[in-house]
Amino acid sequence: MRTLVIGGTEFIGVHLVRALTRAGHEVAVFNRGRRNERLPAGVRTIVGDRKDHAAVRTTLAGERVDALVDVTYAPTTGEDVDAVLDALDGRLGHALFVSTCRVYDHALPIPYDEATPRSLYWGEYAKHKIAGEDTLLRRQRERGLPVTIVRPTHVYGPMNTRNNETFFFDRLLRGRPVLLPGDGRWLRQFGHVEDLADAMVALLGRREAFGQAYNVTGEETITQAGFVELIADVIKRPLDLVPATAPTGAPAVPFGQNLAYDCHAVHTTAKVRALGVRPAYTLAAGLAQTYDWYLHEGLDRRHADFTADDVFLSRAR
């Protein structure tokens, strides 16, 4: 299958391209060309900026592909998605859009399935992702283009651009206390990046997936406190958890890059599992593999700034 990836050289995109090549796809990537050395041999590169819609039309004018996977977020607007689809109009077999479970209204009771109402609970990020989803669904409805939407949540693993699991590796390896927002009771759900990439490959070209949205994440749910305890157990380091509360109007308690918010985030995956798509990693196994990568890359020797932690620790003790 000839597959075009918009993005392809950051975190999810890199793992997606690797999964596509393993599956025998003929892969091209369209991006700004800044990290193309990360791509596997044989992947064709098309350099361009998706925000320049006129250039997108010109650059992609001669492309004919069986599948498109749109994985970038710059932030990516509905108009940006439309521009790529316009450029490939009549020469595209199936479009898959990487959205997010943050399109759901997280003020509603958990768990969230694909029919859960969408809202702007998560602000501009949700607004742009919803606009991207709607752009694709409108294309299918009005022009018959087969489209699929994938909604991951808290993707983790090697090369993560979010400082989440590595945030805790940094502290535990140095014997630092780990701050816990309040009582750490809010539930989280994590999905390994390789499982996400494999799921997207499995969905490409599947007629039963046309016009559908799928939650794609791991099966386990865990509290904020439990997540840190699991990491400490996986990397075999002692843990000193210190509950902390941010004063009104003050910055949030440092707890990963985006794990400190005050609501549950739990999503069902029955819909994608009905297609035979299953995660290969348990959370513990995925964290162990990510820790091996962290050590291999020498990230245990990187500089880590604990200034914000120390401010809260001085109040907590």
C-alpha atoms as a PDB file:
ATOM      1  CA  MET A   1       0.000   0.000   0.000  1.00  0.00           C
ATOM      2  CA  ARG A   2       1.322   3.458  -0.894  1.00  0.00           C
ATOM      3  CA  THR A   3       0.953   5.515   2.269  1.00  0.00           C
ATOM      4  CA  LEU A   4       1.609   9.188   2.872  1.00  0.00           C
ATOM      5  CA  VAL A   5       2.254  10.379   6.431  1.00  0.00           C
ATOM      6  CA  ILE A   6       1.853  14.039   7.310  1.00  0.00           C
ATOM      7  CA  GLY A   7       4.573  14.423   9.927  1.00  0.00           C
ATOM      8  CA  GLY A   8       6.578  11.285  10.554  1.00  0.00           C
ATOM      9  CA  THR A   9       9.670  12.446  12.425  1.00  0.00           C
ATOM     10  CA  GLU A  10       8.378  13.139  15.932  1.00  0.00           C
ATOM     11  CA  PHE A  11       7.373  10.549  18.544  1.00  0.00           C
ATOM     12  CA  ILE A  12       4.128   9.005  17.223  1.00  0.00           C
ATOM     13  CA  GLY A  13       5.062   9.726  13.625  1.00  0.00           C
ATOM     14  CA  VAL A  14       8.431   7.964  13.853  1.00  0.00           C
ATOM     15  CA  HIS A  15       6.895   4.837  15.347  1.00  0.00           C
ATOM     16  CA  LEU A  16       4.100   4.917  12.777  1.00  0.00           C
ATOM     17  CA  VAL A  17       6.538   5.090   9.863  1.00  0.00           C
ATOM     18  CA  ARG A  18       8.535   2.208  11.324  1.00  0.00           C
ATOM     19  CA  ALA A  19       5.364   0.130  11.705  1.00  0.00           C
ATOM     20  CA  LEU A  20       4.286   0.920   8.148  1.00  0.00           C
ATOM     21  CA  THR A  21       7.633  -0.128   6.699  1.00  0.00           C
ATOM     22  CA  ARG A  22       7.611  -3.340   8.749  1.00  0.00           C
ATOM     23  CA  ALA A  23       4.187  -4.089   7.282  1.00  0.00           C
ATOM     24  CA  GLY A  24       5.506  -3.646   3.749  1.00  0.00           C
ATOM     25  CA  HIS A  25       3.972  -0.265   2.922  1.00  0.00           C
ATOM     26  CA  GLU A  26       5.611   2.059   0.413  1.00  0.00           C
ATOM     27  CA  VAL A  27       5.939   5.124   2.640  1.00  0.00           C
ATOM     28  CA  ALA A  28       6.381   8.817   1.929  1.00  0.00           C
ATOM     29  CA  VAL A  29       6.392  11.562   4.557  1.00  0.00           C
ATOM     30  CA  PHE A  30       5.454  15.204   4.141  1.00  0.00           C
ATOM     31  CA  ASN A  31       7.023  17.522   6.702  1.00  0.00           C
ATOM     32  CA  ARG A  32       9.397  20.468   7.121  1.00  0.00           C
ATOM     33  CA  GLY A  33      12.454  18.240   6.765  1.00  0.00           C
ATOM     34  CA  ARG A  34      14.003  19.004  10.145  1.00  0.00           C
ATOM     35  CA  ARG A  35      14.426  15.442  11.496  1.00  0.00           C
ATOM     36  CA  ASN A  36      14.345  13.239   8.418  1.00  0.00           C
ATOM     37  CA  GLU A  37      17.492  11.396   9.573  1.00  0.00           C
ATOM     38  CA  ARG A  38      15.167   9.548  11.971  1.00  0.00           C
ATOM     39  CA  LEU A  39      13.349   7.853   9.102  1.00  0.00           C
ATOM     40  CA  PRO A  40      14.028   4.246   8.059  1.00  0.00           C
ATOM     41  CA  ALA A  41      15.862   3.586   4.821  1.00  0.00           C
ATOM     42  CA  GLY A  42      13.633   3.609   1.779  1.00  0.00           C
ATOM     43  CA  VAL A  43      11.141   6.186   3.085  1.00  0.00           C
ATOM     44  CA  ARG A  44      10.613   8.983   0.585  1.00  0.00           C
ATOM     45  CA  THR A  45      10.551  12.541   1.916  1.00  0.00           C
ATOM     46  CA  ILE A  46       8.492  15.460   0.646  1.00  0.00           C
ATOM     47  CA  VAL A  47       9.559  18.753   2.200  1.00  0.00           C
ATOM     48  CA  GLY A  48       6.930  21.385   2.843  1.00  0.00           C
ATOM     49  CA  ASP A  49       4.981  23.311   5.474  1.00  0.00           C
ATOM     50  CA  ARG A  50       1.378  22.219   5.915  1.00  0.00           C
ATOM     51  CA  LYS A  51       0.494  25.744   7.042  1.00  0.00           C
ATOM     52  CA  ASP A  52       1.311  27.041   3.547  1.00  0.00           C
ATOM     53  CA  HIS A  53      -1.805  25.786   1.802  1.00  0.00           C
ATOM     54  CA  ALA A  54      -0.829  26.983  -1.659  1.00  0.00           C
ATOM     55  CA  ALA A  55       2.502  25.191  -1.401  1.00  0.00           C
ATOM     56  CA  VAL A  56       0.756  22.053  -0.124  1.00  0.00           C
ATOM     57  CA  ARG A  57      -1.418  21.983  -3.246  1.00  0.00           C
ATOM     58  CA  THR A  58       1.614  22.434  -5.505  1.00  0.00           C
ATOM     59  CA  THR A  59       3.852  19.948  -3.682  1.00  0.00           C
ATOM     60  CA  LEU A  60       1.277  17.178  -3.469  1.00  0.00           C
ATOM     61  CA  ALA A  61      -0.223  17.761  -6.909  1.00  0.00           C
ATOM     62  CA  GLY A  62       1.427  14.698  -8.439  1.00  0.00           C
ATOM     63  CA  GLU A  63       0.925  12.338  -5.509  1.00  0.00           C
ATOM     64  CA  ARG A  64      -1.424   9.373  -5.716  1.00  0.00           C
ATOM     65  CA  VAL A  65      -1.704   7.312  -2.524  1.00  0.00           C
ATOM     66  CA  ASP A  66      -3.771   4.456  -1.166  1.00  0.00           C
ATOM     67  CA  ALA A  67      -3.734   5.864   2.350  1.00  0.00           C
ATOM     68  CA  LEU A  68      -3.028   9.095   4.192  1.00  0.00           C
ATOM     69  CA  VAL A  69      -2.232   9.322   7.911  1.00  0.00           C
ATOM     70  CA  ASP A  70      -2.373  12.845   9.350  1.00  0.00           C
ATOM     71  CA  VAL A  71      -0.423  12.764  12.598  1.00  0.00           C
ATOM     72  CA  THR A  72       0.932  16.315  13.008  1.00  0.00           C
ATOM     73  CA  TYR A  73      -0.224  18.971  15.442  1.00  0.00           C
ATOM     74  CA  ALA A  74       1.247  22.425  14.947  1.00  0.00           C
ATOM     75  CA  PRO A  75      -1.530  23.306  16.070  1.00  0.00           C
ATOM     76  CA  THR A  76      -3.366  21.844  13.111  1.00  0.00           C
ATOM     77  CA  THR A  77      -6.683  23.477  12.242  1.00  0.00           C
ATOM     78  CA  GLY A  78      -9.588  22.129  10.260  1.00  0.00           C
ATOM     79  CA  GLU A  79      -8.472  24.340   7.376  1.00  0.00           C
ATOM     80  CA  ASP A  80      -5.024  22.714   7.457  1.00  0.00           C
ATOM     81  CA  VAL A  81      -6.603  19.258   7.202  1.00  0.00           C
ATOM     82  CA  ASP A  82      -8.841  20.458   4.371  1.00  0.00           C
ATOM     83  CA  ALA A  83      -5.833  21.790   2.445  1.00  0.00           C
ATOM     84  CA  VAL A  84      -4.133  18.375   2.391  1.00  0.00           C
ATOM     85  CA  LEU A  85      -7.352  16.635   1.345  1.00  0.00           C
ATOM     86  CA  ASP A  86      -7.877  19.216  -1.415  1.00  0.00           C
ATOM     87  CA  ALA A  87      -4.344  18.636  -2.667  1.00  0.00           C
ATOM     88  CA  LEU A  88      -4.975  14.883  -2.929  1.00  0.00           C
ATOM     89  CA  ASP A  89      -8.565  15.118  -4.157  1.00  0.00           C
ATOM     90  CA  GLY A  90      -9.388  12.182  -6.423  1.00  0.00           C
ATOM     91  CA  ARG A  91      -6.037  10.526  -5.772  1.00  0.00           C
ATOM     92  CA  LEU A  92      -6.519   9.235  -2.226  1.00  0.00           C
ATOM     93  CA  GLY A  93      -7.951   5.906  -1.126  1.00  0.00           C
ATOM     94  CA  HIS A  94      -8.367   6.209   2.669  1.00  0.00           C
ATOM     95  CA  ALA A  95      -7.646   9.038   5.127  1.00  0.00           C
ATOM     96  CA  LEU A  96      -6.855   8.373   8.787  1.00  0.00           C
ATOM     97  CA  PHE A  97      -6.728  11.292  11.217  1.00  0.00           C
ATOM     98  CA  VAL A  98      -4.975  11.118  14.585  1.00  0.00           C
ATOM     99  CA  SER A  99      -7.250  12.957  16.996  1.00  0.00           C
ATOM    100  CA  THR A 100      -7.360  12.613  20.789  1.00  0.00           C
ATOM    101  CA  CYS A 101      -9.594  11.391  23.596  1.00  0.00           C
ATOM    102  CA  ARG A 102      -9.541  14.995  24.807  1.00  0.00           C
ATOM    103  CA  VAL A 103     -12.324  15.768  22.374  1.00  0.00           C
ATOM    104  CA  TYR A 104     -14.700  14.216  24.936  1.00  0.00           C
ATOM    105  CA  ASP A 105     -16.520  16.174  27.610  1.00  0.00           C
ATOM    106  CA  HIS A 106     -14.546  15.171  30.692  1.00  0.00           C
ATOM    107  CA  ALA A 107     -17.167  16.704  32.959  1.00  0.00           C
ATOM    108  CA  LEU A 108     -19.302  13.636  32.179  1.00  0.00           C
ATOM    109  CA  PRO A 109     -19.077  10.351  34.121  1.00  0.00           C
ATOM    110  CA  ILE A 110     -16.436   7.841  33.038  1.00  0.00           C
ATOM    111  CA  PRO A 111     -15.760   5.755  31.042  1.00  0.00           C
ATOM    112  CA  TYR A 112     -15.863   7.563  27.692  1.00  0.00           C
ATOM    113  CA  ASP A 113     -16.709   5.647  24.550  1.00  0.00           C
ATOM    114  CA  GLU A 114     -16.740   6.863  20.961  1.00  0.00           C
ATOM    115  CA  ALA A 115     -20.345   8.077  21.310  1.00  0.00           C
ATOM    116  CA  THR A 116     -19.547  10.316  24.301  1.00  0.00           C
ATOM    117  CA  PRO A 117     -20.449  13.935  23.464  1.00  0.00           C
ATOM    118  CA  ARG A 118     -17.531  16.072  22.386  1.00  0.00           C
ATOM    119  CA  SER A 119     -16.909  19.466  23.930  1.00  0.00           C
ATOM    120  CA  LEU A 120     -14.337  22.209  24.409  1.00  0.00           C
ATOM    121  CA  TYR A 121     -13.542  21.004  27.952  1.00  0.00           C
ATOM    122  CA  TRP A 122      -9.867  20.918  26.902  1.00  0.00           C
ATOM    123  CA  GLY A 123      -9.930  24.311  25.207  1.00  0.00           C
ATOM    124  CA  GLU A 124      -8.145  25.160  21.975  1.00  0.00           C
ATOM    125  CA  TYR A 125      -6.574  21.716  21.655  1.00  0.00           C
ATOM    126  CA  ALA A 126     -10.002  20.067  21.652  1.00  0.00           C
ATOM    127  CA  LYS A 127     -11.356  22.771  19.342  1.00  0.00           C
ATOM    128  CA  HIS A 128      -8.728  22.079  16.671  1.00  0.00           C
ATOM    129  CA  LYS A 129      -8.998  18.301  16.939  1.00  0.00           C
ATOM    130  CA  ILE A 130     -12.800  18.420  16.686  1.00  0.00           C
ATOM    131  CA  ALA A 131     -12.481  20.659  13.631  1.00  0.00           C
ATOM    132  CA  GLY A 132     -10.091  18.147  12.048  1.00  0.00           C
ATOM    133  CA  GLU A 133     -12.468  15.279  12.760  1.00  0.00           C
ATOM    134  CA  ASP A 134     -15.415  17.184  11.325  1.00  0.00           C
ATOM    135  CA  THR A 135     -13.463  18.048   8.189  1.00  0.00           C
ATOM    136  CA  LEU A 136     -12.827  14.381   7.467  1.00  0.00           C
ATOM    137  CA  LEU A 137     -16.341  13.247   8.265  1.00  0.00           C
ATOM    138  CA  ARG A 138     -17.735  15.947   5.994  1.00  0.00           C
ATOM    139  CA  ARG A 139     -15.493  14.677   3.172  1.00  0.00           C
ATOM    140  CA  GLN A 140     -16.889  11.197   3.544  1.00  0.00           C
ATOM    141  CA  ARG A 141     -20.457  12.434   3.750  1.00  0.00           C
ATOM    142  CA  GLU A 142     -20.253  14.836   0.802  1.00  0.00           C
ATOM    143  CA  ARG A 143     -17.619  13.262  -1.467  1.00  0.00           C
ATOM    144  CA  GLY A 144     -17.491   9.626  -0.436  1.00  0.00           C
ATOM    145  CA  LEU A 145     -13.877   9.701   0.761  1.00  0.00           C
ATOM    146  CA  PRO A 146     -13.282   6.791   3.189  1.00  0.00           C
ATOM    147  CA  VAL A 147     -12.065   8.244   6.506  1.00  0.00           C
ATOM    148  CA  THR A 148     -11.181   6.917   9.956  1.00  0.00           C
ATOM    149  CA  ILE A 149     -10.472   8.779  13.200  1.00  0.00           C
ATOM    150  CA  VAL A 150      -8.154   7.454  15.903  1.00  0.00           C
ATOM    151  CA  ARG A 151      -8.364   8.874  19.432  1.00  0.00           C
ATOM    152  CA  PRO A 152      -5.404   8.018  21.695  1.00  0.00           C
ATOM    153  CA  THR A 153      -4.785   9.251  25.224  1.00  0.00           C
ATOM    154  CA  HIS A 154      -1.562   9.718  27.216  1.00  0.00           C
ATOM    155  CA  VAL A 155       0.717   8.045  24.708  1.00  0.00           C
ATOM    156  CA  TYR A 156       4.031   6.977  26.242  1.00  0.00           C
ATOM    157  CA  GLY A 157       7.175   5.200  25.158  1.00  0.00           C
ATOM    158  CA  PRO A 158      10.592   5.862  23.596  1.00  0.00           C
ATOM    159  CA  MET A 159      11.051   9.349  22.111  1.00  0.00           C
ATOM    160  CA  ASN A 160       8.034  10.775  23.933  1.00  0.00           C
ATOM    161  CA  THR A 161       7.862  14.530  23.404  1.00  0.00           C
ATOM    162  CA  ARG A 162       5.845  14.810  26.614  1.00  0.00           C
ATOM    163  CA  ASN A 163       7.959  14.774  29.758  1.00  0.00           C
ATOM    164  CA  ASN A 164       5.756  12.315  31.612  1.00  0.00           C
ATOM    165  CA  GLU A 165       7.342   8.937  32.353  1.00  0.00           C
ATOM    166  CA  THR A 166      10.815  10.502  32.020  1.00  0.00           C
ATOM    167  CA  PHE A 167       9.801  13.135  34.575  1.00  0.00           C
ATOM    168  CA  PHE A 168       9.506  10.397  37.193  1.00  0.00           C
ATOM    169  CA  PHE A 169      12.622   8.509  36.014  1.00  0.00           C
ATOM    170  CA  ASP A 170      14.614  11.736  36.554  1.00  0.00           C
ATOM    171  CA  ARG A 171      13.481  12.091  40.145  1.00  0.00           C
ATOM    172  CA  LEU A 172      13.557   8.482  41.263  1.00  0.00           C
ATOM    173  CA  LEU A 173      17.063   7.873  39.907  1.00  0.00           C
ATOM    174  CA  ARG A 174      18.363  10.856  41.865  1.00  0.00           C
ATOM    175  CA  GLY A 175      16.629   9.841  45.077  1.00  0.00           C
ATOM    176  CA  ARG A 176      14.356  12.862  44.897  1.00  0.00           C
ATOM    177  CA  PRO A 177      10.901  13.008  46.490  1.00  0.00           C
ATOM    178  CA  VAL A 178       8.023  12.948  44.038  1.00  0.00           C
ATOM    179  CA  LEU A 179       5.246  15.453  44.599  1.00  0.00           C
ATOM    180  CA  LEU A 180       1.699  14.122  44.422  1.00  0.00           C
ATOM    181  CA  PRO A 181      -1.163  16.457  43.479  1.00  0.00           C
ATOM    182  CA  GLY A 182      -3.524  16.259  46.452  1.00  0.00           C
ATOM    183  CA  ASP A 183      -4.222  12.624  47.254  1.00  0.00           C
ATOM    184  CA  GLY A 184      -3.333  11.433  43.741  1.00  0.00           C
ATOM    185  CA  ARG A 185      -6.749   9.847  43.254  1.00  0.00           C
ATOM    186  CA  TRP A 186      -7.509  10.851  39.662  1.00  0.00           C
ATOM    187  CA  LEU A 187      -7.561   7.927  37.227  1.00  0.00           C
ATOM    188  CA  ARG A 188      -5.345   7.911  34.154  1.00  0.00           C
ATOM    189  CA  GLN A 189      -5.011   5.614  31.160  1.00  0.00           C
ATOM    190  CA  PHE A 190      -1.860   5.178  29.087  1.00  0.00           C
ATOM    191  CA  GLY A 191      -1.184   3.664  25.678  1.00  0.00           C
ATOM    192  CA  HIS A 192       2.200   2.572  24.370  1.00  0.00           C
ATOM    193  CA  VAL A 193       3.274   4.348  21.192  1.00  0.00           C
ATOM    194  CA  GLU A 194       4.113   1.108  19.377  1.00  0.00           C
ATOM    195  CA  ASP A 195       0.637  -0.257  20.115  1.00  0.00           C
ATOM    196  CA  LEU A 196      -0.867   2.941  18.723  1.00  0.00           C
ATOM    197  CA  ALA A 197       1.256   2.729  15.582  1.00  0.00           C
ATOM    198  CA  ASP A 198       0.372  -0.930  15.022  1.00  0.00           C
ATOM    199  CA  ALA A 199      -3.329  -0.159  15.524  1.00  0.00           C
ATOM    200  CA  MET A 200      -3.243   2.545  12.869  1.00  0.00           C
ATOM    201  CA  VAL A 201      -1.530   0.224  10.403  1.00  0.00           C
ATOM    202  CA  ALA A 202      -4.166  -2.431  11.127  1.00  0.00           C
ATOM    203  CA  LEU A 203      -6.986   0.043  10.391  1.00  0.00           C
ATOM    204  CA  LEU A 204      -5.710   1.248   7.030  1.00  0.00           C
ATOM    205  CA  GLY A 205      -7.815   0.010   4.158  1.00  0.00           C
ATOM    206  CA  ARG A 206     -10.356  -1.710   6.462  1.00  0.00           C
ATOM    207  CA  ARG A 207     -13.818  -1.076   5.006  1.00  0.00           C
ATOM    208  CA  GLU A 208     -15.476  -1.671   8.361  1.00  0.00           C
ATOM    209  CA  ALA A 209     -13.387   1.202   9.772  1.00  0.00           C
ATOM    210  CA  PHE A 210     -14.586   3.748   7.191  1.00  0.00           C
ATOM    211  CA  GLY A 211     -16.554   6.575   8.770  1.00  0.00           C
ATOM    212  CA  GLN A 212     -15.660   5.382  12.278  1.00  0.00           C
ATOM    213  CA  ALA A 213     -13.788   6.781  15.282  1.00  0.00           C
ATOM    214  CA  TYR A 214     -11.824   4.536  17.659  1.00  0.00           C
ATOM    215  CA  ASN A 215     -10.376   5.013  21.115  1.00  0.00           C
ATOM    216  CA  VAL A 216      -6.889   3.475  21.019  1.00  0.00           C
ATOM    217  CA  THR A 217      -5.077   3.102  24.326  1.00  0.00           C
ATOM    218  CA  GLY A 218      -3.984   0.553  26.896  1.00  0.00           C
ATOM    219  CA  GLU A 219      -6.487  -1.526  28.839  1.00  0.00           C
ATOM    220  CA  GLU A 220      -5.317  -0.577  32.344  1.00  0.00           C
ATOM    221  CA  THR A 221      -6.484   2.356  34.416  1.00  0.00           C
ATOM    222  CA  ILE A 222      -4.401   3.631  37.298  1.00  0.00           C
ATOM    223  CA  THR A 223      -4.450   6.512  39.756  1.00  0.00           C
ATOM    224  CA  GLN A 224      -1.828   9.226  39.685  1.00  0.00           C
ATOM    225  CA  ALA A 225      -0.348   7.771  42.883  1.00  0.00           C
ATOM    226  CA  GLY A 226      -0.466   4.246  41.490  1.00  0.00           C
ATOM    227  CA  PHE A 227       1.320   5.329  38.303  1.00  0.00           C
ATOM    228  CA  VAL A 228       4.325   6.640  40.240  1.00  0.00           C
ATOM    229  CA  GLU A 229       4.330   3.589  42.505  1.00  0.00           C
ATOM    230  CA  LEU A 230       4.352   1.333  39.446  1.00  0.00           C
ATOM    231  CA  ILE A 231       7.269   3.223  37.894  1.00  0.00           C
ATOM    232  CA  ALA A 232       9.251   2.951  41.140  1.00  0.00           C
ATOM    233  CA  ASP A 233       8.554  -0.778  41.232  1.00  0.00           C
ATOM    234  CA  VAL A 234       9.532  -1.264  37.562  1.00  0.00           C
ATOM    235  CA  ILE A 235      12.858   0.551  37.881  1.00  0.00           C
ATOM    236  CA  LYS A 236      13.453  -0.810  41.407  1.00  0.00           C
ATOM    237  CA  ARG A 237      13.950   2.503  43.189  1.00  0.00           C
ATOM    238  CA  PRO A 238      12.614   3.616  46.584  1.00  0.00           C
ATOM    239  CA  LEU A 239       9.772   6.110  46.451  1.00  0.00           C
ATOM    240  CA  ASP A 240       9.027   9.073  48.685  1.00  0.00           C
ATOM    241  CA  LEU A 241       5.622  10.460  47.671  1.00  0.00           C
ATOM    242  CA  VAL A 242       4.841  13.894  49.108  1.00  0.00           C
ATOM    243  CA  PRO A 243       1.218  15.139  48.806  1.00  0.00           C
ATOM    244  CA  ALA A 244       1.044  18.785  47.784  1.00  0.00           C
ATOM    245  CA  THR A 245      -1.636  21.298  46.881  1.00  0.00           C
ATOM    246  CA  ALA A 246      -1.189  24.348  44.694  1.00  0.00           C
ATOM    247  CA  PRO A 247      -2.573  27.609  46.129  1.00  0.00           C
ATOM    248  CA  THR A 248      -5.401  29.205  44.159  1.00  0.00           C
ATOM    249  CA  GLY A 249      -4.021  30.896  41.069  1.00  0.00           C
ATOM    250  CA  ALA A 250      -0.569  29.329  41.467  1.00  0.00           C
ATOM    251  CA  PRO A 251       1.073  26.918  38.987  1.00  0.00           C
ATOM    252  CA  ALA A 252       0.004  23.287  39.246  1.00  0.00           C
ATOM    253  CA  VAL A 253       1.951  20.810  41.343  1.00  0.00           C
ATOM    254  CA  PRO A 254       4.797  19.504  39.141  1.00  0.00           C
ATOM    255  CA  PHE A 255       3.659  16.048  38.080  1.00  0.00           C
ATOM    256  CA  GLY A 256       4.784  15.106  34.618  1.00  0.00           C
ATOM    257  CA  GLN A 257       4.056  17.466  31.777  1.00  0.00           C
ATOM    258  CA  ASN A 258       0.300  17.005  31.665  1.00  0.00           C
ATOM    259  CA  LEU A 259      -0.828  14.549  34.345  1.00  0.00           C
ATOM    260  CA  ALA A 260      -1.872  16.883  37.174  1.00  0.00           C
ATOM    261  CA  TYR A 261      -5.392  17.851  36.060  1.00  0.00           C
ATOM    262  CA  ASP A 262      -8.398  17.295  38.350  1.00  0.00           C
ATOM    263  CA  CYS A 263     -10.651  14.828  36.564  1.00  0.00           C
ATOM    264  CA  HIS A 264     -10.687  11.170  35.590  1.00  0.00           C
ATOM    265  CA  ALA A 265      -9.654  10.133  32.068  1.00  0.00           C
ATOM    266  CA  VAL A 266     -10.856   6.601  31.360  1.00  0.00           C
ATOM    267  CA  HIS A 267     -11.871   5.343  27.926  1.00  0.00           C
ATOM    268  CA  THR A 268     -13.343   2.126  26.572  1.00  0.00           C
ATOM    269  CA  THR A 269     -11.584   0.256  23.767  1.00  0.00           C
ATOM    270  CA  ALA A 270     -14.231  -2.364  22.969  1.00  0.00           C
ATOM    271  CA  LYS A 271     -14.885  -0.881  19.536  1.00  0.00           C
ATOM    272  CA  VAL A 272     -11.339  -1.256  18.218  1.00  0.00           C
ATOM    273  CA  ARG A 273     -10.919  -4.614  19.976  1.00  0.00           C
ATOM    274  CA  ALA A 274     -13.915  -5.884  17.991  1.00  0.00           C
ATOM    275  CA  LEU A 275     -11.688  -5.498  14.906  1.00  0.00           C
ATOM    276  CA  GLY A 276      -9.038  -7.722  16.481  1.00  0.00           C
ATOM    277  CA  VAL A 277      -6.774  -4.833  17.502  1.00  0.00           C
ATOM    278  CA  ARG A 278      -5.127  -5.497  20.872  1.00  0.00           C
ATOM    279  CA  PRO A 279      -2.273  -3.795  22.739  1.00  0.00           C
ATOM    280  CA  ALA A 280       0.912  -5.849  22.997  1.00  0.00           C
ATOM    281  CA  TYR A 281       2.242  -3.988  26.056  1.00  0.00           C
ATOM    282  CA  THR A 282       0.978  -4.027  29.591  1.00  0.00           C
ATOM    283  CA  LEU A 283       1.679  -0.753  31.350  1.00  0.00           C
ATOM    284  CA  ALA A 284       4.482  -2.297  33.421  1.00  0.00           C
ATOM    285  CA  ALA A 285       6.123  -3.887  30.366  1.00  0.00           C
ATOM    286  CA  GLY A 286       5.858  -0.667  28.395  1.00  0.00           C
ATOM    287  CA  LEU A 287       7.401   1.376  31.200  1.00  0.00           C
ATOM    288  CA  ALA A 288      10.264  -1.124  31.508  1.00  0.00           C
ATOM    289  CA  GLN A 289      10.957  -0.886  27.768  1.00  0.00           C
ATOM    290  CA  THR A 290      10.813   2.924  27.954  1.00  0.00           C
ATOM    291  CA  TYR A 291      13.223   2.935  30.889  1.00  0.00           C
ATOM    292  CA  ASP A 292      15.694   0.810  28.920  1.00  0.00           C
ATOM    293  CA  TRP A 293      15.512   3.363  26.106  1.00  0.00           C
ATOM    294  CA  TYR A 294      15.979   6.231  28.596  1.00  0.00           C
ATOM    295  CA  LEU A 295      19.182   4.643  29.914  1.00  0.00           C
ATOM    296  CA  HIS A 296      20.437   3.722  26.435  1.00  0.00           C
ATOM    297  CA  GLU A 297      20.045   7.351  25.320  1.00  0.00           C
ATOM    298  CA  GLY A 298      21.942   8.597  28.375  1.00  0.00           C
ATOM    299  CA  LEU A 299      18.967  10.595  29.607  1.00  0.00           C
ATOM    300  CA  ASP A 300      19.782   9.551  33.170  1.00  0.00           C
ATOM    301  CA  ARG A 301      22.748  11.943  32.882  1.00  0.00           C
ATOM    302  CA  ARG A 302      20.797  14.912  31.550  1.00  0.00           C
ATOM    303  CA  HIS A 303      20.322  18.105  33.507  1.00  0.00           C
ATOM    304  CA  ALA A 304      17.007  18.224  35.361  1.00  0.00           C
ATOM    305  CA  ASP A 305      15.631  21.382  36.941  1.00  0.00           C
ATOM    306  CA  PHE A 306      13.936  20.713  40.279  1.00  0.00           C
ATOM    307  CA  THR A 307      13.373  24.360  41.241  1.00  0.00           C
ATOM    308  CA  ALA A 308       9.586  24.138  41.012  1.00  0.00           C
ATOM    309  CA  ASP A 309       9.608  20.903  43.062  1.00  0.00           C
ATOM    310  CA  ASP A 310      11.678  22.545  45.792  1.00  0.00           C
ATOM    311  CA  VAL A 311       9.212  25.429  46.122  1.00  0.00           C
ATOM    312  CA  PHE A 312       6.393  22.992  46.864  1.00  0.00           C
ATOM    313  CA  LEU A 313       8.577  20.790  49.075  1.00  0.00           C
ATOM    314  CA  SER A 314       9.469  23.773  51.226  1.00  0.00           C
ATOM    315  CA  ARG A 315       5.756  24.322  51.860  1.00  0.00           C
ATOM    316  CA  ALA A 316       4.905  20.646  52.358  1.00  0.00           C
ATOM    317  CA  ARG A 317       7.543  19.904  54.986  1.00  0.00           C
END
